[in-house]
């Protein structure tokens, strides 16, 4: 198969609407309460609370690239004959991923309908609502009605500290970052729930603190969330505009 060109206006025509709809339903599932499956899945959508995903241009390039394969060959698939795998596509477009997933769809006529379709499919819903992912890229062709959504996250700086070599403190801390070598961290749903609950309390009180008035201690919060711990620690931050900037701040 000949690889199609990945750049076209059609390929990103509905990107803002799909991004907005995806993030809206992650933060407040009730916005799609008219979806046919909503009554049966609403409990799992609401607990733990989810954060909005960050738009990523590199993942979008990878999503557009794949979407144009589907459009060119009128075939919905996660990998067409001769096409790189999902992970290789993300690598091609410069996204240093640790965990990655993809939703595809065909035949829907609007952003709301395609996101509702993913919501009502268990595998697609698991991807779209996973707390494992922080970034999103989208490819769509509303004329041909093919859609691609890539969700991913990085754990890069632990494995390769040089990915944040532009952090202001890097020169002074790089030796300790590299020795001993670190493994990537494993996502845990119980810890994510404890973190999301604490974060929501900081948001609601407009206060950055490790323990707000009336709140359980860190250890008690983690235990209440169902995580059996031996050692536990917490980083918090406020005011940063991107995932990279907050992780860079924590490097200090």
Protein backbone atom coordinates (compact mmCIF):
# COMPACT_ATOMS: atom_id res chain seq x y z
CA UNK A 1 0.00 0.00 0.00
CA UNK A 2 1.10 3.53 -0.73
CA UNK A 3 1.23 5.72 2.37
CA UNK A 4 -1.18 8.68 2.04
CA UNK A 5 -0.14 12.25 2.79
CA UNK A 6 -0.88 13.05 6.45
CA UNK A 7 -1.54 16.77 6.01
CA UNK A 8 -4.98 17.99 4.96
CA UNK A 9 -7.55 20.49 6.19
CA UNK A 10 -10.23 17.79 6.31
CA UNK A 11 -8.12 15.71 8.68
CA UNK A 12 -8.40 18.27 11.48
CA UNK A 13 -11.74 19.84 10.55
CA UNK A 14 -13.62 18.55 13.60
CA UNK A 15 -10.64 18.37 15.99
CA UNK A 16 -11.71 21.21 18.37
CA UNK A 17 -15.22 19.81 18.77
CA UNK A 18 -14.06 16.23 19.43
CA UNK A 19 -11.43 17.46 21.90
CA UNK A 20 -13.97 19.65 23.70
CA UNK A 21 -16.58 16.88 23.82
CA UNK A 22 -14.07 14.28 25.06
CA UNK A 23 -12.83 16.55 27.84
CA UNK A 24 -16.31 17.69 28.79
CA UNK A 25 -17.56 14.14 29.32
CA UNK A 26 -14.40 13.14 31.26
CA UNK A 27 -14.90 16.03 33.70
CA UNK A 28 -18.71 15.88 33.82
CA UNK A 29 -20.17 12.66 32.37
CA UNK A 30 -23.69 14.09 32.62
CA UNK A 31 -23.08 16.16 29.48
CA UNK A 32 -23.72 12.92 27.51
CA UNK A 33 -26.56 11.69 29.68
CA UNK A 34 -28.63 11.24 26.50
CA UNK A 35 -26.23 8.53 25.23
CA UNK A 36 -28.06 5.21 24.87
CA UNK A 37 -25.78 3.42 27.36
CA UNK A 38 -25.51 6.19 29.97
CA UNK A 39 -27.72 4.72 32.69
CA UNK A 40 -25.72 1.48 32.74
CA UNK A 41 -22.24 3.07 32.76
CA UNK A 42 -22.61 6.38 34.63
CA UNK A 43 -21.25 5.02 37.94
CA UNK A 44 -17.92 3.96 36.40
CA UNK A 45 -17.66 7.27 34.53
CA UNK A 46 -17.97 9.34 37.70
CA UNK A 47 -15.60 7.51 40.04
CA UNK A 48 -12.76 8.29 40.23
CA UNK A 49 -13.08 11.89 38.95
CA UNK A 50 -11.13 12.45 35.72
CA UNK A 51 -9.11 15.44 34.60
CA UNK A 52 -9.28 16.86 31.06
CA UNK A 53 -6.70 15.57 28.59
CA UNK A 54 -3.99 17.85 27.19
CA UNK A 55 -4.01 18.46 23.45
CA UNK A 56 -0.70 17.29 21.94
CA UNK A 57 0.35 18.33 18.43
CA UNK A 58 2.64 15.31 17.95
CA UNK A 59 -0.09 12.83 18.86
CA UNK A 60 -2.46 14.73 16.57
CA UNK A 61 0.01 14.38 13.70
CA UNK A 62 0.13 10.63 14.37
CA UNK A 63 -3.68 10.45 14.55
CA UNK A 64 -4.11 12.43 11.33
CA UNK A 65 -1.56 10.21 9.60
CA UNK A 66 -3.49 7.07 10.54
CA UNK A 67 -6.87 8.62 9.81
CA UNK A 68 -5.75 9.43 6.28
CA UNK A 69 -4.77 5.78 5.76
CA UNK A 70 -8.32 4.79 6.70
CA UNK A 71 -9.82 7.46 4.43
CA UNK A 72 -7.56 6.59 1.48
CA UNK A 73 -8.48 2.90 1.63
CA UNK A 74 -12.06 3.24 2.93
CA UNK A 75 -11.22 0.84 5.76
CA UNK A 76 -11.57 1.24 9.50
CA UNK A 77 -8.66 -0.49 11.22
CA UNK A 78 -6.04 0.11 13.91
CA UNK A 79 -3.27 -0.86 11.47
CA UNK A 80 -3.62 -1.17 7.72
CA UNK A 81 -1.34 -3.33 5.59
CA UNK A 82 2.06 -1.67 5.26
CA UNK A 83 1.34 0.92 7.94
CA UNK A 84 3.55 1.38 11.04
CA UNK A 85 2.13 0.23 14.39
CA UNK A 86 0.51 2.72 16.78
CA UNK A 87 3.65 2.99 18.91
CA UNK A 88 5.87 3.43 15.87
CA UNK A 89 3.55 6.14 14.51
CA UNK A 90 3.78 8.07 17.78
CA UNK A 91 7.57 7.71 17.68
CA UNK A 92 7.63 8.92 14.06
CA UNK A 93 5.95 12.18 15.01
CA UNK A 94 8.09 12.83 18.07
CA UNK A 95 5.94 11.73 21.02
CA UNK A 96 8.05 9.93 23.65
CA UNK A 97 5.36 7.64 25.00
CA UNK A 98 5.23 5.29 27.95
CA UNK A 99 1.62 4.10 27.62
CA UNK A 100 -0.56 4.58 24.55
CA UNK A 101 -4.00 3.61 23.21
CA UNK A 102 -6.13 4.39 20.18
CA UNK A 103 -9.83 4.67 19.40
CA UNK A 104 -11.06 4.64 15.81
CA UNK A 105 -14.55 5.04 14.37
CA UNK A 106 -16.39 5.43 11.07
CA UNK A 107 -19.78 6.61 9.89
CA UNK A 108 -20.64 9.19 12.54
CA UNK A 109 -21.85 12.62 11.46
CA UNK A 110 -20.85 14.82 14.41
CA UNK A 111 -18.32 15.14 17.21
CA UNK A 112 -20.99 14.38 19.81
CA UNK A 113 -22.14 11.23 18.03
CA UNK A 114 -18.64 9.77 17.64
CA UNK A 115 -17.73 10.48 21.29
CA UNK A 116 -21.08 8.98 22.36
CA UNK A 117 -20.26 5.93 20.24
CA UNK A 118 -16.91 5.50 21.98
CA UNK A 119 -18.62 6.05 25.33
CA UNK A 120 -21.00 3.15 24.68
CA UNK A 121 -18.30 0.69 23.59
CA UNK A 122 -16.57 -0.87 26.60
CA UNK A 123 -13.05 -0.99 25.13
CA UNK A 124 -13.20 2.51 23.68
CA UNK A 125 -14.75 3.85 26.90
CA UNK A 126 -11.95 2.29 28.95
CA UNK A 127 -9.39 4.13 26.80
CA UNK A 128 -11.22 7.45 26.82
CA UNK A 129 -11.81 7.45 30.60
CA UNK A 130 -8.54 5.86 31.66
CA UNK A 131 -6.61 7.75 34.33
CA UNK A 132 -3.43 6.36 32.73
CA UNK A 133 -3.45 8.93 29.94
CA UNK A 134 -2.73 12.65 30.09
CA UNK A 135 -2.42 13.66 26.41
CA UNK A 136 -4.63 13.34 23.36
CA UNK A 137 -4.31 13.65 19.60
CA UNK A 138 -7.20 13.59 17.12
CA UNK A 139 -7.62 13.01 13.41
CA UNK A 140 -11.01 13.35 11.72
CA UNK A 141 -12.49 13.57 8.26
CA UNK A 142 -16.15 14.61 8.54
CA UNK A 143 -16.70 14.15 4.80
CA UNK A 144 -15.44 10.56 4.69
CA UNK A 145 -16.56 10.10 8.32
CA UNK A 146 -13.45 8.43 9.69
CA UNK A 147 -12.10 9.34 13.13
CA UNK A 148 -8.95 8.55 15.16
CA UNK A 149 -8.27 9.40 18.80
CA UNK A 150 -4.87 8.64 20.36
CA UNK A 151 -4.42 8.80 24.14
CA UNK A 152 -0.99 8.55 25.76
CA UNK A 153 1.30 9.62 28.55
CA UNK A 154 5.02 9.87 29.20
CA UNK A 155 7.10 8.58 32.07
CA UNK A 156 10.15 9.79 30.25
CA UNK A 157 12.15 11.88 32.69
CA UNK A 158 12.65 9.00 35.16
CA UNK A 159 14.01 6.75 32.42
CA UNK A 160 15.91 9.45 30.52
CA UNK A 161 16.41 12.71 32.48
CA UNK A 162 17.75 14.46 29.36
CA UNK A 163 14.17 14.93 28.11
CA UNK A 164 13.94 17.83 30.60
CA UNK A 165 17.43 19.16 30.01
CA UNK A 166 15.93 22.60 29.35
CA UNK A 167 14.67 22.84 32.95
CA UNK A 168 16.34 25.73 34.75
CA UNK A 169 17.76 23.49 37.46
CA UNK A 170 18.95 20.67 35.22
CA UNK A 171 22.69 21.37 35.28
CA UNK A 172 22.76 21.29 39.08
CA UNK A 173 20.69 18.12 39.55
CA UNK A 174 21.42 15.94 36.51
CA UNK A 175 23.95 13.72 38.32
CA UNK A 176 21.46 12.68 41.00
CA UNK A 177 18.75 12.13 38.36
CA UNK A 178 20.90 9.63 36.48
CA UNK A 179 22.35 7.58 39.32
CA UNK A 180 20.97 5.13 40.18
CA UNK A 181 18.95 4.41 36.98
CA UNK A 182 15.19 4.52 37.57
CA UNK A 183 12.37 2.39 36.22
CA UNK A 184 9.14 3.88 34.89
CA UNK A 185 6.39 4.20 37.50
CA UNK A 186 3.30 1.99 37.24
CA UNK A 187 -0.13 3.63 37.19
CA UNK A 188 -2.38 2.65 40.11
CA UNK A 189 -6.10 3.42 40.11
CA UNK A 190 -6.33 3.60 43.94
CA UNK A 191 -3.53 6.16 44.17
CA UNK A 192 -5.06 8.09 41.26
CA UNK A 193 -8.35 8.22 43.14
CA UNK A 194 -6.65 9.49 46.31
CA UNK A 195 -4.74 12.12 44.30
CA UNK A 196 -7.84 13.26 42.40
CA UNK A 197 -9.85 13.62 45.64
CA UNK A 198 -7.14 15.74 47.27
CA UNK A 199 -6.65 17.80 44.12
CA UNK A 200 -10.37 18.51 43.90
CA UNK A 201 -10.29 19.78 47.49
CA UNK A 202 -7.39 22.12 46.70
CA UNK A 203 -9.34 23.42 43.70
CA UNK A 204 -12.54 23.92 45.68
CA UNK A 205 -10.73 25.86 48.43
CA UNK A 206 -8.24 27.61 46.10
CA UNK A 207 -5.48 26.47 48.44
CA UNK A 208 -2.32 24.48 47.80
CA UNK A 209 -1.64 22.29 50.82
CA UNK A 210 -0.71 18.72 51.67
CA UNK A 211 -3.54 18.57 54.20
CA UNK A 212 -6.44 20.97 54.29
CA UNK A 213 -8.61 21.67 57.33
CA UNK A 214 -10.77 18.65 58.14
CA UNK A 215 -9.03 16.47 55.56
CA UNK A 216 -7.50 13.06 56.25
CA UNK A 217 -3.71 12.75 56.31
CA UNK A 218 -1.95 11.48 53.19
CA UNK A 219 -1.57 7.97 54.59
CA UNK A 220 -5.21 7.83 55.68
CA UNK A 221 -6.37 9.12 52.28
CA UNK A 222 -4.42 6.42 50.49
CA UNK A 223 -5.73 3.72 52.86
CA UNK A 224 -9.31 4.98 52.38
CA UNK A 225 -8.84 4.72 48.61
CA UNK A 226 -7.92 1.04 48.98
CA UNK A 227 -4.12 1.11 48.56
CA UNK A 228 -2.12 -0.97 51.05
CA UNK A 229 1.08 1.04 51.47
CA UNK A 230 4.40 0.72 53.29
CA UNK A 231 5.87 4.08 52.26
CA UNK A 232 3.99 6.96 50.65
CA UNK A 233 4.87 10.48 49.49
CA UNK A 234 3.07 13.32 47.72
CA UNK A 235 4.03 16.17 45.40
CA UNK A 236 1.64 19.07 44.82
CA UNK A 237 1.88 22.20 42.70
CA UNK A 238 -0.17 25.16 41.50
CA UNK A 239 -0.02 27.70 38.73
CA UNK A 240 1.72 25.71 35.99
CA UNK A 241 0.29 25.73 32.47
CA UNK A 242 1.43 22.35 31.14
CA UNK A 243 2.43 18.85 32.22
CA UNK A 244 6.03 19.54 31.22
CA UNK A 245 6.23 22.73 33.28
CA UNK A 246 4.84 21.15 36.45
CA UNK A 247 7.19 18.14 36.20
CA UNK A 248 10.08 20.53 35.57
CA UNK A 249 9.05 22.43 38.69
CA UNK A 250 9.11 19.24 40.72
CA UNK A 251 12.66 18.57 39.55
CA UNK A 252 13.94 21.35 41.84
